Amino acid sequence: MTKIEVGHHEIARLWGMEFHVDTIAATAVAAVAVLALAFLLRLRLTSGVPNGVQLFFETVTVQMRGQVESAVGLRIAPFVLPLAVTLFVFVLLSNWLSVLPVQYGGGELIAPPAADVNFTYALALFVFVGYQVAGMARRGPLGHVKQVLKGHMGWGPMVLINVIEELAKPLSLALRLFGNMFAGGVMISVIALLPAWLSWGPNAAWKLFDLFVGLIQAFIFALLTVLYFGQATASEHENH
C-alpha cells in the first residue's frame, strides 16, 4: 500500500549533527542556477535589444526599485535593492524546483528547499540580522535598540509587546514561505496516489499552479524584506 511521507528528509549525520541532504542539494542547485544566470547576464549584457536573461533581471529590478526607494529612501537603496533582487530570484528558483515535470517515488524529483522549515528559518535569520545591522548603522546601536523597544506603541507596559513584535517578524517570514511550499509537496504526494494513467492531468495542473504560488511567495518574501529594512532604518521623526 502506497503511503504519504510528510516531512521526510534524507539525513546524514556528521560531528554529532543531522544534515538534511535533500535540502542541501536542492539549495545548491538553486544557488548554482542563480550564479549561472548572473554570469550569463554579465557576459551578454547589452545596451541594445536585451536577451531573455537581461530582460528578466531588468523587469525584476525595475519592479523592486520603486518598492525599495519608497520604503528605505535613497540613502541605503543601493544596498537593499541588490539584496531584494537576489533574494527574489533565489527564492523563486528554489520554489520552481518543484515544477520539474518528473517525479521520484511519491513526490518531486527535487523538492523545493522551502518545504524544509530549516531552510526558511535560515533565510529569515539572515534577513533579520541584516536589517538589525542596517538599523544600527543608520540610528547608532543605542538609538536602534531604543527605537525597537519603543516601537509604534510607546514606552511603558508596551515594551514587551514591541519586543515580541520584533521577534515575530522573522518567524512569520519563515513560516509563511514554509507553509505554502510544504502544502504544495503534500498535494504532489496525494496526486501520486492516483494511477499513473490518471495522475498526469492533476499533476500537470498543480505544477502550473505551483508556478504562480512560487512567484507570489518569492515576491512577498522580497517585499517584506524591503519593508523590514525600511522600518529598521526609519528615524523616529519618520515613524511618526
C-alpha atoms as a PDB file:
ATOM      1  CA  MET A   1       0.000   0.000   0.000  1.00  0.00           C
ATOM      2  CA  THR A   2       1.392   3.397  -1.000  1.00  0.00           C
ATOM      3  CA  LYS A   3       1.690   5.867   1.826  1.00  0.00           C
ATOM      4  CA  ILE A   4       2.323   9.581   2.049  1.00  0.00           C
ATOM      5  CA  GLU A   5       5.506  10.605   3.862  1.00  0.00           C
ATOM      6  CA  VAL A   6       5.081  14.106   5.220  1.00  0.00           C
ATOM      7  CA  GLY A   7       8.233  15.994   6.157  1.00  0.00           C
ATOM      8  CA  HIS A   8      10.554  13.119   5.229  1.00  0.00           C
ATOM      9  CA  HIS A   9      14.191  14.030   4.535  1.00  0.00           C
ATOM     10  CA  GLU A  10      17.331  12.160   3.620  1.00  0.00           C
ATOM     11  CA  ILE A  11      19.505  12.571   6.724  1.00  0.00           C
ATOM     12  CA  ALA A  12      23.278  12.382   7.076  1.00  0.00           C
ATOM     13  CA  ARG A  13      24.979  12.550  10.474  1.00  0.00           C
ATOM     14  CA  LEU A  14      28.301  14.273  10.927  1.00  0.00           C
ATOM     15  CA  TRP A  15      30.048  15.630  14.048  1.00  0.00           C
ATOM     16  CA  GLY A  16      27.012  14.777  16.141  1.00  0.00           C
ATOM     17  CA  MET A  17      24.689  16.839  13.942  1.00  0.00           C
ATOM     18  CA  GLU A  18      21.994  15.889  11.454  1.00  0.00           C
ATOM     19  CA  PHE A  19      22.003  17.327   7.930  1.00  0.00           C
ATOM     20  CA  HIS A  20      19.063  17.173   5.516  1.00  0.00           C
ATOM     21  CA  VAL A  21      20.930  16.078   2.406  1.00  0.00           C
ATOM     22  CA  ASP A  22      17.992  16.624   0.050  1.00  0.00           C
ATOM     23  CA  THR A  23      17.510  20.204   1.265  1.00  0.00           C
ATOM     24  CA  ILE A  24      21.220  20.967   0.975  1.00  0.00           C
ATOM     25  CA  ALA A  25      21.319  19.522  -2.549  1.00  0.00           C
ATOM     26  CA  ALA A  26      18.226  21.478  -3.644  1.00  0.00           C
ATOM     27  CA  THR A  27      19.651  24.689  -2.158  1.00  0.00           C
ATOM     28  CA  ALA A  28      22.913  24.100  -4.017  1.00  0.00           C
ATOM     29  CA  VAL A  29      21.019  23.560  -7.291  1.00  0.00           C
ATOM     30  CA  ALA A  30      19.109  26.829  -6.814  1.00  0.00           C
ATOM     31  CA  ALA A  31      22.284  28.720  -5.852  1.00  0.00           C
ATOM     32  CA  VAL A  32      24.175  27.403  -8.890  1.00  0.00           C
ATOM     33  CA  ALA A  33      21.251  28.402 -11.123  1.00  0.00           C
ATOM     34  CA  VAL A  34      21.263  31.961  -9.704  1.00  0.00           C
ATOM     35  CA  LEU A  35      25.027  32.282 -10.182  1.00  0.00           C
ATOM     36  CA  ALA A  36      24.807  30.867 -13.701  1.00  0.00           C
ATOM     37  CA  LEU A  37      22.128  33.409 -14.632  1.00  0.00           C
ATOM     38  CA  ALA A  38      24.189  36.227 -13.100  1.00  0.00           C
ATOM     39  CA  PHE A  39      27.358  35.275 -15.029  1.00  0.00           C
ATOM     40  CA  LEU A  40      25.331  34.780 -18.213  1.00  0.00           C
ATOM     41  CA  LEU A  41      23.839  38.247 -17.728  1.00  0.00           C
ATOM     42  CA  ARG A  42      27.293  39.750 -17.240  1.00  0.00           C
ATOM     43  CA  LEU A  43      28.670  38.103 -20.378  1.00  0.00           C
ATOM     44  CA  ARG A  44      25.735  39.043 -22.612  1.00  0.00           C
ATOM     45  CA  LEU A  45      24.883  42.466 -21.186  1.00  0.00           C
ATOM     46  CA  THR A  46      23.975  44.857 -23.973  1.00  0.00           C
ATOM     47  CA  SER A  47      22.596  48.360 -24.390  1.00  0.00           C
ATOM     48  CA  GLY A  48      20.689  47.231 -27.464  1.00  0.00           C
ATOM     49  CA  VAL A  49      17.883  44.689 -27.643  1.00  0.00           C
ATOM     50  CA  PRO A  50      18.091  42.721 -24.364  1.00  0.00           C
ATOM     51  CA  ASN A  51      18.214  38.934 -24.333  1.00  0.00           C
ATOM     52  CA  GLY A  52      15.820  36.883 -22.205  1.00  0.00           C
ATOM     53  CA  VAL A  53      18.009  36.806 -19.081  1.00  0.00           C
ATOM     54  CA  GLN A  54      18.702  40.556 -19.219  1.00  0.00           C
ATOM     55  CA  LEU A  55      15.020  41.304 -19.766  1.00  0.00           C
ATOM     56  CA  PHE A  56      14.105  39.149 -16.762  1.00  0.00           C
ATOM     57  CA  PHE A  57      16.577  40.878 -14.437  1.00  0.00           C
ATOM     58  CA  GLU A  58      15.672  44.336 -15.738  1.00  0.00           C
ATOM     59  CA  THR A  59      11.975  43.667 -15.130  1.00  0.00           C
ATOM     60  CA  VAL A  60      12.605  42.411 -11.591  1.00  0.00           C
ATOM     61  CA  THR A  61      14.957  45.315 -10.815  1.00  0.00           C
ATOM     62  CA  VAL A  62      12.529  47.953 -12.093  1.00  0.00           C
ATOM     63  CA  GLN A  63       9.663  46.456 -10.096  1.00  0.00           C
ATOM     64  CA  MET A  64      11.762  46.286  -6.922  1.00  0.00           C
ATOM     65  CA  ARG A  65      13.345  49.728  -7.265  1.00  0.00           C
ATOM     66  CA  GLY A  66      10.102  51.574  -6.607  1.00  0.00           C
ATOM     67  CA  GLN A  67       9.348  49.432  -3.551  1.00  0.00           C
ATOM     68  CA  VAL A  68      12.858  49.869  -2.158  1.00  0.00           C
ATOM     69  CA  GLU A  69      13.107  53.636  -2.685  1.00  0.00           C
ATOM     70  CA  SER A  70       9.690  54.266  -1.132  1.00  0.00           C
ATOM     71  CA  ALA A  71      10.436  52.031   1.869  1.00  0.00           C
ATOM     72  CA  VAL A  72      14.065  52.828   2.723  1.00  0.00           C
ATOM     73  CA  GLY A  73      14.777  56.018   0.781  1.00  0.00           C
ATOM     74  CA  LEU A  74      17.706  56.741  -1.482  1.00  0.00           C
ATOM     75  CA  ARG A  75      20.298  56.566   1.295  1.00  0.00           C
ATOM     76  CA  ILE A  76      20.534  52.774   1.622  1.00  0.00           C
ATOM     77  CA  ALA A  77      18.606  51.795  -1.523  1.00  0.00           C
ATOM     78  CA  PRO A  78      21.866  50.935  -3.379  1.00  0.00           C
ATOM     79  CA  PHE A  79      22.445  48.201  -0.756  1.00  0.00           C
ATOM     80  CA  VAL A  80      18.884  46.952  -0.256  1.00  0.00           C
ATOM     81  CA  LEU A  81      17.940  46.814  -3.952  1.00  0.00           C
ATOM     82  CA  PRO A  82      20.571  44.198  -4.962  1.00  0.00           C
ATOM     83  CA  LEU A  83      19.693  42.202  -1.830  1.00  0.00           C
ATOM     84  CA  ALA A  84      15.965  42.275  -2.623  1.00  0.00           C
ATOM     85  CA  VAL A  85      16.506  41.264  -6.267  1.00  0.00           C
ATOM     86  CA  THR A  86      18.895  38.451  -5.285  1.00  0.00           C
ATOM     87  CA  LEU A  87      16.517  37.103  -2.632  1.00  0.00           C
ATOM     88  CA  PHE A  88      13.601  37.243  -5.064  1.00  0.00           C
ATOM     89  CA  VAL A  89      15.443  35.336  -7.795  1.00  0.00           C
ATOM     90  CA  PHE A  90      16.914  32.799  -5.343  1.00  0.00           C
ATOM     91  CA  VAL A  91      13.591  32.063  -3.619  1.00  0.00           C
ATOM     92  CA  LEU A  92      11.804  31.980  -6.980  1.00  0.00           C
ATOM     93  CA  LEU A  93      14.171  29.412  -8.472  1.00  0.00           C
ATOM     94  CA  SER A  94      14.103  27.430  -5.220  1.00  0.00           C
ATOM     95  CA  ASN A  95      10.306  27.307  -5.347  1.00  0.00           C
ATOM     96  CA  TRP A  96      10.212  26.411  -9.026  1.00  0.00           C
ATOM     97  CA  LEU A  97      12.297  23.273  -8.487  1.00  0.00           C
ATOM     98  CA  SER A  98       9.012  21.530  -7.701  1.00  0.00           C
ATOM     99  CA  VAL A  99       7.720  22.327 -11.202  1.00  0.00           C
ATOM    100  CA  LEU A 100      10.170  19.958 -12.926  1.00  0.00           C
ATOM    101  CA  PRO A 101       7.938  17.578 -14.940  1.00  0.00           C
ATOM    102  CA  VAL A 102       9.321  14.437 -13.281  1.00  0.00           C
ATOM    103  CA  GLN A 103       8.679  12.654 -10.018  1.00  0.00           C
ATOM    104  CA  TYR A 104      10.627  10.339  -7.775  1.00  0.00           C
ATOM    105  CA  GLY A 105       8.580   7.905  -5.720  1.00  0.00           C
ATOM    106  CA  GLY A 106       5.682   9.748  -4.132  1.00  0.00           C
ATOM    107  CA  GLY A 107       6.937  13.296  -4.631  1.00  0.00           C
ATOM    108  CA  GLU A 108       9.084  15.655  -6.682  1.00  0.00           C
ATOM    109  CA  LEU A 109      12.451  14.635  -8.086  1.00  0.00           C
ATOM    110  CA  ILE A 110      13.902  17.743  -6.394  1.00  0.00           C
ATOM    111  CA  ALA A 111      11.663  19.063  -3.638  1.00  0.00           C
ATOM    112  CA  PRO A 112      11.793  22.844  -3.116  1.00  0.00           C
ATOM    113  CA  PRO A 113      14.120  23.606  -0.175  1.00  0.00           C
ATOM    114  CA  ALA A 114      11.475  25.960   1.266  1.00  0.00           C
ATOM    115  CA  ALA A 115       9.442  22.815   2.072  1.00  0.00           C
ATOM    116  CA  ASP A 116      12.028  22.306   4.854  1.00  0.00           C
ATOM    117  CA  VAL A 117      11.449  24.745   7.702  1.00  0.00           C
ATOM    118  CA  ASN A 118      15.193  24.834   8.441  1.00  0.00           C
ATOM    119  CA  PHE A 119      15.793  26.483   5.059  1.00  0.00           C
ATOM    120  CA  THR A 120      13.203  29.207   5.658  1.00  0.00           C
ATOM    121  CA  TYR A 121      14.463  29.773   9.208  1.00  0.00           C
ATOM    122  CA  ALA A 122      17.987  30.282   7.841  1.00  0.00           C
ATOM    123  CA  LEU A 123      16.757  32.763   5.211  1.00  0.00           C
ATOM    124  CA  ALA A 124      14.656  34.650   7.768  1.00  0.00           C
ATOM    125  CA  LEU A 125      17.573  34.763  10.232  1.00  0.00           C
ATOM    126  CA  PHE A 126      19.828  36.175   7.513  1.00  0.00           C
ATOM    127  CA  VAL A 127      17.259  38.910   6.767  1.00  0.00           C
ATOM    128  CA  PHE A 128      16.704  39.593  10.495  1.00  0.00           C
ATOM    129  CA  VAL A 129      20.426  40.068  11.169  1.00  0.00           C
ATOM    130  CA  GLY A 130      20.724  42.175   8.011  1.00  0.00           C
ATOM    131  CA  TYR A 131      18.089  44.749   8.885  1.00  0.00           C
ATOM    132  CA  GLN A 132      19.203  44.912  12.534  1.00  0.00           C
ATOM    133  CA  VAL A 133      22.745  45.748  11.374  1.00  0.00           C
ATOM    134  CA  ALA A 134      21.336  48.288   8.900  1.00  0.00           C
ATOM    135  CA  GLY A 135      19.275  49.859  11.691  1.00  0.00           C
ATOM    136  CA  MET A 136      22.302  50.160  13.949  1.00  0.00           C
ATOM    137  CA  ALA A 137      24.345  51.683  11.141  1.00  0.00           C
ATOM    138  CA  ARG A 138      21.610  54.270  10.461  1.00  0.00           C
ATOM    139  CA  ARG A 139      20.496  55.102  14.011  1.00  0.00           C
ATOM    140  CA  GLY A 140      23.512  54.043  16.046  1.00  0.00           C
ATOM    141  CA  PRO A 141      23.468  50.929  18.298  1.00  0.00           C
ATOM    142  CA  LEU A 142      21.803  52.621  21.275  1.00  0.00           C
ATOM    143  CA  GLY A 143      19.405  54.605  19.105  1.00  0.00           C
ATOM    144  CA  HIS A 144      18.335  51.459  17.277  1.00  0.00           C
ATOM    145  CA  VAL A 145      17.737  49.487  20.482  1.00  0.00           C
ATOM    146  CA  LYS A 146      15.799  52.431  21.904  1.00  0.00           C
ATOM    147  CA  GLN A 147      13.594  52.631  18.814  1.00  0.00           C
ATOM    148  CA  VAL A 148      12.968  48.854  18.803  1.00  0.00           C
ATOM    149  CA  LEU A 149      11.905  48.948  22.464  1.00  0.00           C
ATOM    150  CA  LYS A 150       9.732  51.984  21.908  1.00  0.00           C
ATOM    151  CA  GLY A 151       8.219  50.588  18.717  1.00  0.00           C
ATOM    152  CA  HIS A 152       4.966  52.014  17.408  1.00  0.00           C
ATOM    153  CA  MET A 153       3.181  51.833  20.764  1.00  0.00           C
ATOM    154  CA  GLY A 154       5.469  53.859  23.007  1.00  0.00           C
ATOM    155  CA  TRP A 155       7.079  53.052  26.338  1.00  0.00           C
ATOM    156  CA  GLY A 156       5.631  51.551  29.484  1.00  0.00           C
ATOM    157  CA  PRO A 157       4.000  48.117  29.524  1.00  0.00           C
ATOM    158  CA  MET A 158       4.031  48.020  25.709  1.00  0.00           C
ATOM    159  CA  VAL A 159       7.812  47.476  25.611  1.00  0.00           C
ATOM    160  CA  LEU A 160       7.329  43.705  25.970  1.00  0.00           C
ATOM    161  CA  ILE A 161       4.796  43.726  23.127  1.00  0.00           C
ATOM    162  CA  ASN A 162       7.239  45.692  20.972  1.00  0.00           C
ATOM    163  CA  VAL A 163       9.974  43.102  21.594  1.00  0.00           C
ATOM    164  CA  ILE A 164       7.590  40.229  20.796  1.00  0.00           C
ATOM    165  CA  GLU A 165       6.534  42.022  17.609  1.00  0.00           C
ATOM    166  CA  GLU A 166      10.171  42.394  16.543  1.00  0.00           C
ATOM    167  CA  LEU A 167      10.923  38.715  17.195  1.00  0.00           C
ATOM    168  CA  ALA A 168       7.750  37.640  15.397  1.00  0.00           C
ATOM    169  CA  LYS A 169       8.887  39.232  12.127  1.00  0.00           C
ATOM    170  CA  PRO A 170      11.458  36.573  11.168  1.00  0.00           C
ATOM    171  CA  LEU A 171       9.162  33.794  12.416  1.00  0.00           C
ATOM    172  CA  SER A 172       6.275  34.952  10.255  1.00  0.00           C
ATOM    173  CA  LEU A 173       8.643  35.479   7.316  1.00  0.00           C
ATOM    174  CA  ALA A 174       9.913  31.900   7.611  1.00  0.00           C
ATOM    175  CA  LEU A 175       6.642  30.129   8.378  1.00  0.00           C
ATOM    176  CA  ARG A 176       4.671  31.867   5.622  1.00  0.00           C
ATOM    177  CA  LEU A 177       7.093  30.642   2.950  1.00  0.00           C
ATOM    178  CA  PHE A 178       7.428  27.187   4.517  1.00  0.00           C
ATOM    179  CA  GLY A 179       3.684  26.632   4.905  1.00  0.00           C
ATOM    180  CA  ASN A 180       2.863  27.404   1.286  1.00  0.00           C
ATOM    181  CA  MET A 181       5.667  25.317  -0.213  1.00  0.00           C
ATOM    182  CA  PHE A 182       5.178  22.414   2.198  1.00  0.00           C
ATOM    183  CA  ALA A 183       1.485  22.286   1.283  1.00  0.00           C
ATOM    184  CA  GLY A 184       2.470  22.021  -2.377  1.00  0.00           C
ATOM    185  CA  GLY A 185       4.646  18.990  -1.602  1.00  0.00           C
ATOM    186  CA  VAL A 186       1.788  17.331   0.264  1.00  0.00           C
ATOM    187  CA  MET A 187      -0.516  17.849  -2.716  1.00  0.00           C
ATOM    188  CA  ILE A 188       2.035  16.276  -5.086  1.00  0.00           C
ATOM    189  CA  SER A 189       2.249  13.266  -2.754  1.00  0.00           C
ATOM    190  CA  VAL A 190      -1.537  12.950  -2.695  1.00  0.00           C
ATOM    191  CA  ILE A 191      -1.735  13.130  -6.504  1.00  0.00           C
ATOM    192  CA  ALA A 192       0.957  10.438  -6.711  1.00  0.00           C
ATOM    193  CA  LEU A 193      -1.508   8.024  -5.046  1.00  0.00           C
ATOM    194  CA  LEU A 194      -3.637   8.082  -8.197  1.00  0.00           C
ATOM    195  CA  PRO A 195      -2.999   5.569 -11.002  1.00  0.00           C
ATOM    196  CA  ALA A 196      -0.304   6.688 -13.440  1.00  0.00           C
ATOM    197  CA  TRP A 197      -2.772   6.973 -16.335  1.00  0.00           C
ATOM    198  CA  LEU A 198      -4.918   9.345 -14.263  1.00  0.00           C
ATOM    199  CA  SER A 199      -2.387  11.327 -12.207  1.00  0.00           C
ATOM    200  CA  TRP A 200      -0.705  13.158 -15.106  1.00  0.00           C
ATOM    201  CA  GLY A 201      -3.627  15.595 -15.544  1.00  0.00           C
ATOM    202  CA  PRO A 202      -3.938  16.743 -11.886  1.00  0.00           C
ATOM    203  CA  ASN A 203      -0.133  16.705 -11.605  1.00  0.00           C
ATOM    204  CA  ALA A 204       0.298  18.999 -14.635  1.00  0.00           C
ATOM    205  CA  ALA A 205      -2.449  21.330 -13.400  1.00  0.00           C
ATOM    206  CA  TRP A 206      -0.945  21.537  -9.919  1.00  0.00           C
ATOM    207  CA  LYS A 207       2.546  22.205 -11.266  1.00  0.00           C
ATOM    208  CA  LEU A 208       1.176  25.121 -13.299  1.00  0.00           C
ATOM    209  CA  PHE A 209      -0.442  26.442 -10.119  1.00  0.00           C
ATOM    210  CA  ASP A 210       2.887  25.942  -8.335  1.00  0.00           C
ATOM    211  CA  LEU A 211       4.486  28.349 -10.818  1.00  0.00           C
ATOM    212  CA  PHE A 212       2.098  31.053  -9.667  1.00  0.00           C
ATOM    213  CA  VAL A 213       2.425  30.210  -5.963  1.00  0.00           C
ATOM    214  CA  GLY A 214       6.223  30.136  -6.180  1.00  0.00           C
ATOM    215  CA  LEU A 215       6.264  33.544  -7.891  1.00  0.00           C
ATOM    216  CA  ILE A 216       3.918  35.134  -5.357  1.00  0.00           C
ATOM    217  CA  GLN A 217       5.774  33.721  -2.359  1.00  0.00           C
ATOM    218  CA  ALA A 218       9.139  34.906  -3.706  1.00  0.00           C
ATOM    219  CA  PHE A 219       7.730  38.388  -4.262  1.00  0.00           C
ATOM    220  CA  ILE A 220       6.170  38.505  -0.775  1.00  0.00           C
ATOM    221  CA  PHE A 221       9.433  37.384   0.835  1.00  0.00           C
ATOM    222  CA  ALA A 222      11.437  40.042  -1.013  1.00  0.00           C
ATOM    223  CA  LEU A 223       8.807  42.734  -0.362  1.00  0.00           C
ATOM    224  CA  LEU A 224       8.643  42.013   3.375  1.00  0.00           C
ATOM    225  CA  THR A 225      12.436  42.085   3.491  1.00  0.00           C
ATOM    226  CA  VAL A 226      12.365  45.570   1.966  1.00  0.00           C
ATOM    227  CA  LEU A 227       9.653  46.725   4.392  1.00  0.00           C
ATOM    228  CA  TYR A 228      11.564  45.401   7.407  1.00  0.00           C
ATOM    229  CA  PHE A 229      14.703  47.214   6.254  1.00  0.00           C
ATOM    230  CA  GLY A 230      12.578  50.346   5.877  1.00  0.00           C
ATOM    231  CA  GLN A 231      11.200  50.058   9.405  1.00  0.00           C
ATOM    232  CA  ALA A 232      14.625  49.326  10.892  1.00  0.00           C
ATOM    233  CA  THR A 233      16.279  52.333   9.225  1.00  0.00           C
ATOM    234  CA  ALA A 234      13.487  54.900   9.668  1.00  0.00           C
ATOM    235  CA  SER A 235      14.184  57.725  12.114  1.00  0.00           C
ATOM    236  CA  GLU A 236      11.830  58.462  14.988  1.00  0.00           C
ATOM    237  CA  HIS A 237      10.519  61.510  13.122  1.00  0.00           C
ATOM    238  CA  GLU A 238       9.820  59.409  10.030  1.00  0.00           C
ATOM    239  CA  ASN A 239       7.985  56.796  12.105  1.00  0.00           C
ATOM    240  CA  HIS A 240       5.629  59.443  13.374  1.00  0.00           C
END
